[in-house]
Amino acid sequence: MNWHVYILRCGDDTLYTGIARDLEKRVSVHNSGKGAKYTAARLPVKLVYSEEAEDRSAASKREYAVKQLNRSAKIALINSKARHLPRSSAGN
């Protein structure tokens, strides 16, 4: 099972970046209020971007790189890949 780097759009329109093995389950956990303190205070969240990583180490490095981007660059990244997101009921 591969790792994924993902970006969530929170209820207050902020963006949250994380990593997970099972995206649908992770988004569900975030929306339950138990995923992260940041997202728990900004529900609901919606998956707006994801990409696969080879392993946890690669996912963590990519997560760090994405977190260093400014909001405009993150939105450009989201827009460049939005059509490739997996179809899921989680967060919609």
N, C-alpha and C. Protein backbone atom coordinates (compact mmCIF):
# COMPACT_ATOMS: atom_id res chain seq x y z
N MET A 1 0.84 -1.18 0.00
CA MET A 1 0.00 0.00 0.00
C MET A 1 0.89 1.24 0.00
N ASN A 2 0.61 2.16 -0.91
CA ASN A 2 1.39 3.38 -1.02
C ASN A 2 0.95 4.43 -0.01
N TRP A 3 1.81 5.37 0.19
CA TRP A 3 1.51 6.54 1.01
C TRP A 3 1.02 7.65 0.10
N HIS A 4 0.27 8.58 0.67
CA HIS A 4 -0.27 9.71 -0.07
C HIS A 4 0.02 11.00 0.69
N VAL A 5 0.29 12.04 -0.07
CA VAL A 5 0.35 13.40 0.46
C VAL A 5 -0.97 14.02 0.04
N TYR A 6 -1.63 14.71 0.97
CA TYR A 6 -2.94 15.26 0.64
C TYR A 6 -3.07 16.68 1.17
N ILE A 7 -3.99 17.40 0.54
CA ILE A 7 -4.36 18.75 1.00
C ILE A 7 -5.87 18.75 1.21
N LEU A 8 -6.27 19.26 2.36
CA LEU A 8 -7.69 19.43 2.68
C LEU A 8 -8.04 20.91 2.66
N ARG A 9 -9.23 21.22 2.18
CA ARG A 9 -9.76 22.58 2.32
C ARG A 9 -10.67 22.53 3.53
N CYS A 10 -10.37 23.33 4.52
CA CYS A 10 -11.13 23.35 5.77
C CYS A 10 -12.36 24.24 5.63
N GLY A 11 -13.26 24.12 6.59
CA GLY A 11 -14.50 24.89 6.60
C GLY A 11 -14.29 26.39 6.59
N ASP A 12 -13.13 26.86 7.09
CA ASP A 12 -12.85 28.29 7.08
C ASP A 12 -12.01 28.69 5.88
N ASP A 13 -11.90 27.81 4.87
CA ASP A 13 -11.18 28.02 3.61
C ASP A 13 -9.66 27.99 3.76
N THR A 14 -9.15 27.56 4.90
CA THR A 14 -7.72 27.37 5.01
C THR A 14 -7.36 26.00 4.44
N LEU A 15 -6.07 25.77 4.23
CA LEU A 15 -5.60 24.51 3.66
C LEU A 15 -4.76 23.77 4.69
N TYR A 16 -4.94 22.46 4.74
CA TYR A 16 -4.20 21.60 5.66
C TYR A 16 -3.53 20.50 4.83
N THR A 17 -2.25 20.27 5.08
CA THR A 17 -1.49 19.25 4.36
C THR A 17 -1.08 18.14 5.31
N GLY A 18 -1.21 16.89 4.84
CA GLY A 18 -0.82 15.75 5.66
C GLY A 18 -0.44 14.56 4.80
N ILE A 19 -0.16 13.44 5.47
CA ILE A 19 0.14 12.19 4.77
C ILE A 19 -0.73 11.08 5.35
N ALA A 20 -0.99 10.07 4.53
CA ALA A 20 -1.82 8.94 4.98
C ALA A 20 -1.63 7.78 4.02
N ARG A 21 -1.98 6.61 4.51
CA ARG A 21 -2.01 5.42 3.65
C ARG A 21 -3.39 5.26 3.03
N ASP A 22 -4.43 5.47 3.80
CA ASP A 22 -5.81 5.31 3.34
C ASP A 22 -6.49 6.69 3.37
N LEU A 23 -6.58 7.33 2.21
CA LEU A 23 -7.10 8.70 2.15
C LEU A 23 -8.54 8.82 2.62
N GLU A 24 -9.39 7.93 2.14
CA GLU A 24 -10.81 8.02 2.51
C GLU A 24 -10.98 7.91 4.02
N LYS A 25 -10.29 6.96 4.62
CA LYS A 25 -10.37 6.79 6.08
C LYS A 25 -9.82 8.01 6.80
N ARG A 26 -8.70 8.55 6.31
CA ARG A 26 -8.09 9.71 6.98
C ARG A 26 -8.99 10.94 6.91
N VAL A 27 -9.60 11.17 5.76
CA VAL A 27 -10.52 12.32 5.64
C VAL A 27 -11.70 12.12 6.58
N SER A 28 -12.19 10.91 6.67
CA SER A 28 -13.29 10.61 7.58
C SER A 28 -12.90 10.89 9.04
N VAL A 29 -11.69 10.50 9.40
CA VAL A 29 -11.20 10.76 10.76
C VAL A 29 -11.11 12.26 11.01
N HIS A 30 -10.59 13.00 10.02
CA HIS A 30 -10.54 14.46 10.17
C HIS A 30 -11.94 15.02 10.38
N ASN A 31 -12.89 14.58 9.57
CA ASN A 31 -14.25 15.11 9.68
C ASN A 31 -14.96 14.68 10.95
N SER A 32 -14.46 13.66 11.61
CA SER A 32 -15.04 13.26 12.90
C SER A 32 -14.52 14.14 14.03
N GLY A 33 -13.55 15.00 13.73
CA GLY A 33 -12.97 15.88 14.74
C GLY A 33 -11.78 15.27 15.46
N LYS A 34 -11.33 14.09 15.02
CA LYS A 34 -10.24 13.40 15.71
C LYS A 34 -8.96 13.32 14.89
N GLY A 35 -8.90 13.98 13.73
CA GLY A 35 -7.74 13.86 12.85
C GLY A 35 -6.56 14.69 13.28
N ALA A 36 -6.80 15.93 13.62
CA ALA A 36 -5.75 16.87 14.03
C ALA A 36 -6.42 18.04 14.73
N LYS A 37 -5.73 18.65 15.66
CA LYS A 37 -6.30 19.81 16.36
C LYS A 37 -6.69 20.90 15.36
N TYR A 38 -5.83 21.10 14.36
CA TYR A 38 -6.07 22.17 13.39
C TYR A 38 -7.39 21.94 12.66
N THR A 39 -7.59 20.75 12.14
CA THR A 39 -8.81 20.50 11.38
C THR A 39 -10.04 20.37 12.27
N ALA A 40 -9.87 19.89 13.49
CA ALA A 40 -10.99 19.72 14.40
C ALA A 40 -11.71 21.04 14.67
N ALA A 41 -10.95 22.12 14.63
CA ALA A 41 -11.52 23.44 14.89
C ALA A 41 -12.03 24.11 13.62
N ARG A 42 -11.90 23.43 12.47
CA ARG A 42 -12.24 24.04 11.18
C ARG A 42 -13.06 23.12 10.29
N LEU A 43 -13.97 22.39 10.90
CA LEU A 43 -14.79 21.43 10.14
C LEU A 43 -15.88 22.12 9.35
N PRO A 44 -16.36 21.49 8.27
CA PRO A 44 -15.90 20.22 7.71
C PRO A 44 -14.68 20.44 6.83
N VAL A 45 -14.02 19.34 6.49
CA VAL A 45 -12.89 19.40 5.57
C VAL A 45 -13.24 18.62 4.31
N LYS A 46 -12.59 18.99 3.22
CA LYS A 46 -12.80 18.32 1.94
C LYS A 46 -11.45 18.05 1.30
N LEU A 47 -11.27 16.84 0.81
CA LEU A 47 -10.04 16.49 0.10
C LEU A 47 -10.02 17.23 -1.24
N VAL A 48 -8.97 18.04 -1.46
CA VAL A 48 -8.88 18.81 -2.70
C VAL A 48 -7.64 18.45 -3.52
N TYR A 49 -6.73 17.66 -2.95
CA TYR A 49 -5.51 17.29 -3.68
C TYR A 49 -4.89 16.06 -3.03
N SER A 50 -4.35 15.19 -3.86
CA SER A 50 -3.56 14.08 -3.34
C SER A 50 -2.56 13.63 -4.39
N GLU A 51 -1.48 13.07 -3.92
CA GLU A 51 -0.49 12.46 -4.81
C GLU A 51 0.12 11.28 -4.07
N GLU A 52 0.53 10.27 -4.81
CA GLU A 52 1.13 9.10 -4.19
C GLU A 52 2.61 9.32 -3.93
N ALA A 53 3.11 8.64 -2.92
CA ALA A 53 4.53 8.65 -2.60
C ALA A 53 4.97 7.20 -2.44
N GLU A 54 6.23 6.95 -2.71
CA GLU A 54 6.77 5.60 -2.70
C GLU A 54 6.73 4.95 -1.32
N ASP A 55 7.03 5.73 -0.29
CA ASP A 55 7.06 5.21 1.07
C ASP A 55 6.83 6.36 2.05
N ARG A 56 6.82 6.04 3.33
CA ARG A 56 6.56 7.08 4.34
C ARG A 56 7.59 8.20 4.30
N SER A 57 8.84 7.83 4.11
CA SER A 57 9.90 8.83 4.07
C SER A 57 9.69 9.81 2.92
N ALA A 58 9.39 9.29 1.74
CA ALA A 58 9.15 10.15 0.58
C ALA A 58 7.90 11.02 0.81
N ALA A 59 6.88 10.43 1.41
CA ALA A 59 5.66 11.19 1.70
C ALA A 59 5.95 12.33 2.67
N SER A 60 6.72 12.05 3.69
CA SER A 60 7.05 13.08 4.69
C SER A 60 7.86 14.21 4.07
N LYS A 61 8.81 13.86 3.21
CA LYS A 61 9.62 14.90 2.54
C LYS A 61 8.76 15.75 1.63
N ARG A 62 7.86 15.12 0.90
CA ARG A 62 6.98 15.87 0.01
C ARG A 62 5.99 16.72 0.80
N GLU A 63 5.49 16.18 1.91
CA GLU A 63 4.60 16.95 2.78
C GLU A 63 5.29 18.22 3.25
N TYR A 64 6.54 18.09 3.68
CA TYR A 64 7.30 19.26 4.13
C TYR A 64 7.43 20.28 3.00
N ALA A 65 7.76 19.80 1.79
CA ALA A 65 7.92 20.70 0.65
C ALA A 65 6.61 21.43 0.35
N VAL A 66 5.50 20.72 0.39
CA VAL A 66 4.20 21.35 0.11
C VAL A 66 3.87 22.37 1.20
N LYS A 67 4.18 22.04 2.45
CA LYS A 67 3.90 22.96 3.55
C LYS A 67 4.71 24.25 3.44
N GLN A 68 5.83 24.21 2.74
CA GLN A 68 6.65 25.40 2.56
C GLN A 68 6.10 26.34 1.49
N LEU A 69 5.19 25.85 0.65
CA LEU A 69 4.61 26.67 -0.40
C LEU A 69 3.67 27.71 0.20
N ASN A 70 3.59 28.86 -0.47
CA ASN A 70 2.60 29.85 -0.03
C ASN A 70 1.23 29.42 -0.55
N ARG A 71 0.20 30.08 -0.07
CA ARG A 71 -1.17 29.69 -0.41
C ARG A 71 -1.40 29.69 -1.92
N SER A 72 -0.90 30.70 -2.62
CA SER A 72 -1.09 30.78 -4.08
C SER A 72 -0.48 29.58 -4.78
N ALA A 73 0.69 29.18 -4.36
CA ALA A 73 1.35 28.02 -4.97
C ALA A 73 0.59 26.73 -4.65
N LYS A 74 0.05 26.63 -3.44
CA LYS A 74 -0.74 25.44 -3.09
C LYS A 74 -2.00 25.38 -3.93
N ILE A 75 -2.65 26.50 -4.14
CA ILE A 75 -3.85 26.54 -4.97
C ILE A 75 -3.52 26.17 -6.41
N ALA A 76 -2.39 26.64 -6.92
CA ALA A 76 -1.97 26.25 -8.27
C ALA A 76 -1.73 24.75 -8.34
N LEU A 77 -1.13 24.19 -7.32
CA LEU A 77 -0.90 22.74 -7.26
C LEU A 77 -2.24 22.00 -7.25
N ILE A 78 -3.16 22.46 -6.43
CA ILE A 78 -4.50 21.85 -6.36
C ILE A 78 -5.17 21.91 -7.73
N ASN A 79 -5.13 23.06 -8.36
CA ASN A 79 -5.79 23.24 -9.65
C ASN A 79 -5.16 22.39 -10.75
N SER A 80 -3.86 22.13 -10.65
CA SER A 80 -3.18 21.35 -11.68
C SER A 80 -3.53 19.87 -11.60
N LYS A 81 -3.95 19.40 -10.44
CA LYS A 81 -4.20 17.98 -10.25
C LYS A 81 -5.63 17.66 -9.83
N ALA A 82 -6.49 18.65 -9.68
CA ALA A 82 -7.82 18.43 -9.12
C ALA A 82 -8.61 17.37 -9.88
N ARG A 83 -8.45 17.30 -11.18
CA ARG A 83 -9.22 16.34 -11.96
C ARG A 83 -8.77 14.90 -11.73
N HIS A 84 -7.63 14.71 -11.06
CA HIS A 84 -7.09 13.37 -10.83
C HIS A 84 -7.42 12.82 -9.44
N LEU A 85 -8.15 13.55 -8.64
CA LEU A 85 -8.48 13.08 -7.29
C LEU A 85 -9.37 11.85 -7.34
N PRO A 86 -9.18 10.95 -6.40
CA PRO A 86 -10.06 9.78 -6.35
C PRO A 86 -11.48 10.22 -5.99
N ARG A 87 -12.45 9.58 -6.57
CA ARG A 87 -13.86 9.88 -6.25
C ARG A 87 -14.17 9.21 -4.94
N SER A 88 -14.64 10.01 -4.00
CA SER A 88 -14.93 9.49 -2.67
C SER A 88 -16.05 10.30 -2.05
N SER A 89 -16.83 9.65 -1.22
CA SER A 89 -17.89 10.36 -0.51
C SER A 89 -17.33 11.05 0.73
N ALA A 90 -16.14 10.69 1.16
CA ALA A 90 -15.55 11.28 2.36
C ALA A 90 -15.26 12.75 2.11
N GLY A 91 -15.77 13.61 2.98
CA GLY A 91 -15.48 15.02 2.91
C GLY A 91 -16.29 15.79 1.89
N ASN A 92 -17.17 15.15 1.17
CA ASN A 92 -17.94 15.85 0.15
C ASN A 92 -19.24 16.34 0.69
